Amino acid sequence: MDRLKNPTITFSKNWNNKLMCNSFSTFRLWEQRKYEYYLGHQSDIFDVILKKKFFRTAKLVRIETMDLRTAADLYSYLDANMTQSQFYELMKKMYSKKPEWKGWETKLIFLIFGEAGE
């Protein structure tokens, strides 16, 4: 991957083809350093990396925190095209070995990105 000039957000999969949309959301496991990183870059343009390759740019327009139960209840279909239980199992697979994992009470960072030109 070439040297990028913007902050980066990485994806291993384009869940629900959301990265093709003008705006998209993503969930990340809450960690203080990650949260502060995103807060420090709110309104910045990010390089979106998909499968270790540059995919597009996008502007970080909103940062929220919520627990996994709330995330699954409100956003599982929109964000990943999954049922609540499928979304829980995905998060469990990704994060259950991390000390921050608390089952349904796991705290997540919810990021919303928009078009870079906005």
N, C-alpha and C. Protein backbone atom coordinates (compact mmCIF):
# COMPACT_ATOMS: atom_id res chain seq x y z
N MET A 1 0.86 -1.18 0.00
CA MET A 1 0.00 0.00 0.00
C MET A 1 0.90 1.24 0.00
N ASP A 2 0.60 2.15 -0.90
CA ASP A 2 1.37 3.38 -0.96
C ASP A 2 1.15 4.21 0.29
N ARG A 3 2.07 5.09 0.54
CA ARG A 3 1.96 5.98 1.69
C ARG A 3 0.76 6.90 1.49
N LEU A 4 -0.15 6.91 2.46
CA LEU A 4 -1.36 7.71 2.38
C LEU A 4 -1.20 8.98 3.18
N LYS A 5 -1.92 10.02 2.80
CA LYS A 5 -1.74 11.31 3.46
C LYS A 5 -2.78 11.60 4.53
N ASN A 6 -3.89 10.91 4.50
CA ASN A 6 -4.99 11.17 5.44
C ASN A 6 -5.03 10.11 6.54
N PRO A 7 -5.79 10.41 7.61
CA PRO A 7 -6.05 9.33 8.58
C PRO A 7 -6.74 8.18 7.83
N THR A 8 -6.64 6.99 8.35
CA THR A 8 -7.22 5.84 7.65
C THR A 8 -8.27 5.13 8.49
N ILE A 9 -9.20 4.50 7.81
CA ILE A 9 -10.18 3.59 8.41
C ILE A 9 -10.13 2.33 7.55
N THR A 10 -9.96 1.18 8.18
CA THR A 10 -9.77 -0.05 7.42
C THR A 10 -10.96 -1.00 7.55
N PHE A 11 -11.18 -1.73 6.49
CA PHE A 11 -12.26 -2.72 6.42
C PHE A 11 -11.70 -4.01 5.83
N SER A 12 -12.12 -5.12 6.38
CA SER A 12 -11.73 -6.42 5.81
C SER A 12 -12.78 -6.90 4.81
N LYS A 13 -14.00 -6.33 4.93
CA LYS A 13 -15.10 -6.72 4.05
C LYS A 13 -16.02 -5.51 3.87
N ASN A 14 -16.61 -5.40 2.71
CA ASN A 14 -17.55 -4.32 2.41
C ASN A 14 -18.96 -4.78 2.77
N TRP A 15 -19.25 -4.83 4.07
CA TRP A 15 -20.54 -5.31 4.58
C TRP A 15 -21.69 -4.54 3.93
N ASN A 16 -22.65 -5.25 3.40
CA ASN A 16 -23.86 -4.66 2.83
C ASN A 16 -23.54 -3.68 1.69
N ASN A 17 -22.37 -3.79 1.11
CA ASN A 17 -21.90 -2.86 0.06
C ASN A 17 -21.98 -1.40 0.49
N LYS A 18 -21.88 -1.17 1.79
CA LYS A 18 -22.07 0.18 2.31
C LYS A 18 -21.01 1.17 1.85
N LEU A 19 -19.83 0.68 1.54
CA LEU A 19 -18.77 1.60 1.12
C LEU A 19 -19.01 2.21 -0.26
N MET A 20 -19.99 1.69 -0.97
CA MET A 20 -20.37 2.23 -2.28
C MET A 20 -21.32 3.42 -2.14
N CYS A 21 -21.88 3.60 -0.96
CA CYS A 21 -22.87 4.67 -0.74
C CYS A 21 -22.19 6.01 -0.47
N ASN A 22 -22.95 7.08 -0.66
CA ASN A 22 -22.42 8.42 -0.37
C ASN A 22 -22.06 8.57 1.10
N SER A 23 -22.84 7.95 1.97
CA SER A 23 -22.54 7.94 3.39
C SER A 23 -22.63 6.51 3.89
N PHE A 24 -21.87 6.20 4.92
CA PHE A 24 -21.86 4.85 5.49
C PHE A 24 -21.46 4.92 6.95
N SER A 25 -21.77 3.86 7.66
CA SER A 25 -21.43 3.79 9.08
C SER A 25 -20.54 2.57 9.33
N THR A 26 -19.89 2.59 10.48
CA THR A 26 -19.10 1.45 10.91
C THR A 26 -19.03 1.43 12.43
N PHE A 27 -18.90 0.24 12.97
CA PHE A 27 -18.73 0.06 14.41
C PHE A 27 -17.32 -0.41 14.69
N ARG A 28 -16.75 0.13 15.76
CA ARG A 28 -15.44 -0.28 16.24
C ARG A 28 -15.54 -0.53 17.73
N LEU A 29 -14.78 -1.50 18.23
CA LEU A 29 -14.74 -1.76 19.65
C LEU A 29 -14.24 -0.52 20.37
N TRP A 30 -14.94 -0.13 21.45
CA TRP A 30 -14.54 1.06 22.18
C TRP A 30 -13.26 0.81 22.95
N GLU A 31 -12.29 1.65 22.66
CA GLU A 31 -11.06 1.74 23.43
C GLU A 31 -10.77 3.23 23.55
N GLN A 32 -10.29 3.66 24.69
CA GLN A 32 -10.08 5.09 24.93
C GLN A 32 -9.20 5.72 23.85
N ARG A 33 -8.10 5.07 23.51
CA ARG A 33 -7.18 5.66 22.52
C ARG A 33 -7.84 5.77 21.15
N LYS A 34 -8.64 4.77 20.76
CA LYS A 34 -9.35 4.82 19.48
C LYS A 34 -10.38 5.95 19.48
N TYR A 35 -11.13 6.03 20.57
CA TYR A 35 -12.15 7.07 20.68
C TYR A 35 -11.52 8.46 20.56
N GLU A 36 -10.42 8.67 21.26
CA GLU A 36 -9.73 9.97 21.20
C GLU A 36 -9.18 10.23 19.80
N TYR A 37 -8.70 9.18 19.13
CA TYR A 37 -8.20 9.32 17.76
C TYR A 37 -9.31 9.83 16.85
N TYR A 38 -10.47 9.18 16.91
CA TYR A 38 -11.58 9.59 16.04
C TYR A 38 -12.08 10.98 16.41
N LEU A 39 -12.17 11.29 17.70
CA LEU A 39 -12.58 12.64 18.11
C LEU A 39 -11.61 13.69 17.56
N GLY A 40 -10.33 13.37 17.59
CA GLY A 40 -9.32 14.30 17.08
C GLY A 40 -9.37 14.49 15.57
N HIS A 41 -10.05 13.58 14.89
CA HIS A 41 -10.13 13.65 13.43
C HIS A 41 -11.56 13.86 12.93
N GLN A 42 -12.47 14.25 13.83
CA GLN A 42 -13.83 14.51 13.38
C GLN A 42 -13.81 15.65 12.36
N SER A 43 -14.56 15.48 11.30
CA SER A 43 -14.63 16.41 10.16
C SER A 43 -13.44 16.30 9.21
N ASP A 44 -12.50 15.40 9.50
CA ASP A 44 -11.36 15.19 8.61
C ASP A 44 -11.73 14.22 7.49
N ILE A 45 -10.94 14.29 6.42
CA ILE A 45 -11.06 13.35 5.31
C ILE A 45 -10.20 12.12 5.64
N PHE A 46 -10.79 10.93 5.50
CA PHE A 46 -10.10 9.67 5.76
C PHE A 46 -9.86 8.94 4.44
N ASP A 47 -8.77 8.21 4.39
CA ASP A 47 -8.56 7.24 3.33
C ASP A 47 -9.21 5.94 3.80
N VAL A 48 -10.13 5.44 3.00
CA VAL A 48 -10.83 4.20 3.31
C VAL A 48 -10.06 3.06 2.67
N ILE A 49 -9.65 2.12 3.49
CA ILE A 49 -8.85 0.98 3.04
C ILE A 49 -9.71 -0.27 3.10
N LEU A 50 -9.82 -0.97 1.99
CA LEU A 50 -10.58 -2.22 1.92
C LEU A 50 -9.64 -3.33 1.49
N LYS A 51 -9.54 -4.35 2.32
CA LYS A 51 -8.65 -5.49 2.03
C LYS A 51 -7.24 -5.03 1.70
N LYS A 52 -6.74 -4.10 2.52
CA LYS A 52 -5.37 -3.59 2.43
C LYS A 52 -5.08 -2.73 1.20
N LYS A 53 -6.13 -2.29 0.50
CA LYS A 53 -5.95 -1.43 -0.67
C LYS A 53 -6.80 -0.18 -0.53
N PHE A 54 -6.28 0.93 -1.03
CA PHE A 54 -7.05 2.16 -1.03
C PHE A 54 -8.34 1.95 -1.81
N PHE A 55 -9.46 2.42 -1.22
CA PHE A 55 -10.76 2.24 -1.87
C PHE A 55 -11.40 3.58 -2.24
N ARG A 56 -11.35 4.54 -1.33
CA ARG A 56 -11.96 5.85 -1.56
C ARG A 56 -11.58 6.78 -0.41
N THR A 57 -12.05 8.01 -0.49
CA THR A 57 -11.94 8.92 0.65
C THR A 57 -13.35 9.18 1.17
N ALA A 58 -13.42 9.55 2.44
CA ALA A 58 -14.70 9.87 3.08
C ALA A 58 -14.43 10.78 4.27
N LYS A 59 -15.42 11.61 4.57
CA LYS A 59 -15.30 12.57 5.67
C LYS A 59 -15.99 12.01 6.92
N LEU A 60 -15.29 12.02 8.05
CA LEU A 60 -15.88 11.58 9.32
C LEU A 60 -16.81 12.68 9.82
N VAL A 61 -18.11 12.41 9.81
CA VAL A 61 -19.08 13.45 10.14
C VAL A 61 -19.72 13.28 11.53
N ARG A 62 -19.65 12.08 12.09
CA ARG A 62 -20.28 11.91 13.41
C ARG A 62 -19.64 10.74 14.15
N ILE A 63 -19.54 10.90 15.46
CA ILE A 63 -18.99 9.88 16.35
C ILE A 63 -19.96 9.71 17.52
N GLU A 64 -20.35 8.48 17.78
CA GLU A 64 -21.23 8.16 18.91
C GLU A 64 -20.68 6.94 19.62
N THR A 65 -21.12 6.71 20.83
CA THR A 65 -20.83 5.46 21.50
C THR A 65 -22.16 4.83 21.91
N MET A 66 -22.17 3.50 21.93
CA MET A 66 -23.37 2.77 22.36
C MET A 66 -22.97 1.35 22.69
N ASP A 67 -23.84 0.67 23.41
CA ASP A 67 -23.54 -0.73 23.71
C ASP A 67 -23.99 -1.61 22.54
N LEU A 68 -23.51 -2.83 22.55
CA LEU A 68 -23.79 -3.76 21.46
C LEU A 68 -25.29 -4.03 21.31
N ARG A 69 -26.02 -4.11 22.41
CA ARG A 69 -27.46 -4.35 22.34
C ARG A 69 -28.16 -3.24 21.55
N THR A 70 -27.83 -1.99 21.86
CA THR A 70 -28.41 -0.86 21.14
C THR A 70 -28.01 -0.88 19.68
N ALA A 71 -26.74 -1.14 19.42
CA ALA A 71 -26.25 -1.18 18.04
C ALA A 71 -27.00 -2.25 17.24
N ALA A 72 -27.14 -3.43 17.81
CA ALA A 72 -27.83 -4.52 17.11
C ALA A 72 -29.30 -4.19 16.91
N ASP A 73 -29.94 -3.62 17.92
CA ASP A 73 -31.36 -3.28 17.82
C ASP A 73 -31.61 -2.26 16.72
N LEU A 74 -30.75 -1.26 16.61
CA LEU A 74 -31.00 -0.15 15.70
C LEU A 74 -30.34 -0.29 14.32
N TYR A 75 -29.18 -0.91 14.25
CA TYR A 75 -28.37 -0.77 13.04
C TYR A 75 -27.90 -2.06 12.38
N SER A 76 -28.22 -3.23 12.90
CA SER A 76 -27.64 -4.46 12.36
C SER A 76 -27.98 -4.69 10.89
N TYR A 77 -29.22 -4.41 10.50
CA TYR A 77 -29.59 -4.59 9.09
C TYR A 77 -28.95 -3.53 8.20
N LEU A 78 -29.03 -2.30 8.62
CA LEU A 78 -28.49 -1.20 7.82
C LEU A 78 -26.98 -1.29 7.66
N ASP A 79 -26.28 -1.56 8.74
CA ASP A 79 -24.82 -1.56 8.71
C ASP A 79 -24.25 -2.81 8.05
N ALA A 80 -24.82 -3.97 8.35
CA ALA A 80 -24.19 -5.21 7.90
C ALA A 80 -25.14 -6.20 7.22
N ASN A 81 -26.41 -5.82 7.05
CA ASN A 81 -27.42 -6.69 6.46
C ASN A 81 -27.54 -8.01 7.24
N MET A 82 -27.61 -7.88 8.56
CA MET A 82 -27.67 -9.04 9.46
C MET A 82 -28.80 -8.87 10.46
N THR A 83 -29.29 -10.00 10.93
CA THR A 83 -30.24 -9.97 12.04
C THR A 83 -29.48 -9.56 13.30
N GLN A 84 -30.20 -9.27 14.35
CA GLN A 84 -29.56 -8.90 15.62
C GLN A 84 -28.64 -10.01 16.11
N SER A 85 -29.12 -11.24 16.06
CA SER A 85 -28.30 -12.35 16.56
C SER A 85 -27.07 -12.59 15.66
N GLN A 86 -27.23 -12.44 14.36
CA GLN A 86 -26.08 -12.58 13.46
C GLN A 86 -25.04 -11.49 13.73
N PHE A 87 -25.52 -10.27 13.96
CA PHE A 87 -24.62 -9.16 14.26
C PHE A 87 -23.87 -9.40 15.57
N TYR A 88 -24.59 -9.90 16.57
CA TYR A 88 -23.96 -10.24 17.85
C TYR A 88 -22.86 -11.29 17.63
N GLU A 89 -23.17 -12.32 16.88
CA GLU A 89 -22.18 -13.38 16.64
C GLU A 89 -20.97 -12.86 15.88
N LEU A 90 -21.18 -11.94 14.94
CA LEU A 90 -20.06 -11.32 14.24
C LEU A 90 -19.18 -10.55 15.20
N MET A 91 -19.78 -9.72 16.03
CA MET A 91 -19.02 -8.93 17.00
C MET A 91 -18.29 -9.85 17.98
N LYS A 92 -18.96 -10.92 18.40
CA LYS A 92 -18.35 -11.88 19.32
C LYS A 92 -17.12 -12.53 18.67
N LYS A 93 -17.26 -12.92 17.40
CA LYS A 93 -16.14 -13.53 16.69
C LYS A 93 -14.96 -12.57 16.58
N MET A 94 -15.27 -11.31 16.33
CA MET A 94 -14.21 -10.30 16.14
C MET A 94 -13.56 -9.87 17.45
N TYR A 95 -14.36 -9.77 18.53
CA TYR A 95 -13.88 -9.07 19.72
C TYR A 95 -13.87 -9.87 21.02
N SER A 96 -14.37 -11.10 21.06
CA SER A 96 -14.54 -11.80 22.34
C SER A 96 -13.24 -12.07 23.08
N LYS A 97 -12.12 -12.06 22.40
CA LYS A 97 -10.85 -12.28 23.08
C LYS A 97 -10.23 -10.99 23.63
N LYS A 98 -10.86 -9.88 23.35
CA LYS A 98 -10.37 -8.59 23.84
C LYS A 98 -10.91 -8.34 25.26
N PRO A 99 -10.13 -7.68 26.10
CA PRO A 99 -10.60 -7.43 27.47
C PRO A 99 -11.84 -6.54 27.53
N GLU A 100 -12.10 -5.76 26.49
CA GLU A 100 -13.26 -4.87 26.47
C GLU A 100 -14.57 -5.62 26.20
N TRP A 101 -14.49 -6.88 25.79
CA TRP A 101 -15.68 -7.65 25.46
C TRP A 101 -16.51 -7.92 26.72
N LYS A 102 -17.80 -7.52 26.67
CA LYS A 102 -18.73 -7.70 27.79
C LYS A 102 -20.06 -8.26 27.29
N GLY A 103 -20.04 -9.04 26.23
CA GLY A 103 -21.29 -9.58 25.68
C GLY A 103 -22.15 -8.44 25.14
N TRP A 104 -23.44 -8.52 25.41
CA TRP A 104 -24.38 -7.50 24.92
C TRP A 104 -24.05 -6.10 25.44
N GLU A 105 -23.33 -6.02 26.54
CA GLU A 105 -23.00 -4.72 27.13
C GLU A 105 -21.69 -4.13 26.60
N THR A 106 -21.07 -4.81 25.65
CA THR A 106 -19.82 -4.31 25.06
C THR A 106 -20.05 -2.91 24.48
N LYS A 107 -19.15 -2.00 24.81
CA LYS A 107 -19.25 -0.62 24.33
C LYS A 107 -18.60 -0.51 22.95
N LEU A 108 -19.30 0.14 22.03
CA LEU A 108 -18.82 0.31 20.67
C LEU A 108 -18.73 1.79 20.30
N ILE A 109 -17.86 2.08 19.36
CA ILE A 109 -17.79 3.40 18.75
C ILE A 109 -18.54 3.29 17.42
N PHE A 110 -19.47 4.20 17.21
CA PHE A 110 -20.26 4.23 15.98
C PHE A 110 -19.81 5.44 15.18
N LEU A 111 -19.31 5.20 13.99
CA LEU A 111 -18.78 6.27 13.13
C LEU A 111 -19.65 6.41 11.89
N ILE A 112 -19.94 7.64 11.52
CA ILE A 112 -20.67 7.92 10.29
C ILE A 112 -19.77 8.75 9.39
N PHE A 113 -19.63 8.28 8.16
CA PHE A 113 -18.82 8.96 7.16
C PHE A 113 -19.71 9.47 6.03
N GLY A 114 -19.33 10.58 5.45
CA GLY A 114 -20.02 11.14 4.30
C GLY A 114 -19.03 11.36 3.16
N GLU A 115 -19.53 11.93 2.09
CA GLU A 115 -18.67 12.18 0.93
C GLU A 115 -17.55 13.15 1.31
N ALA A 116 -16.40 12.92 0.78
CA ALA A 116 -15.22 13.74 1.10
C ALA A 116 -15.39 15.19 0.67
N GLY A 117 -16.19 15.45 -0.35
CA GLY A 117 -16.37 16.79 -0.87
C GLY A 117 -17.38 17.63 -0.10
N GLU A 118 -18.02 17.05 0.91
CA GLU A 118 -19.06 17.81 1.66
C GLU A 118 -18.45 18.83 2.57
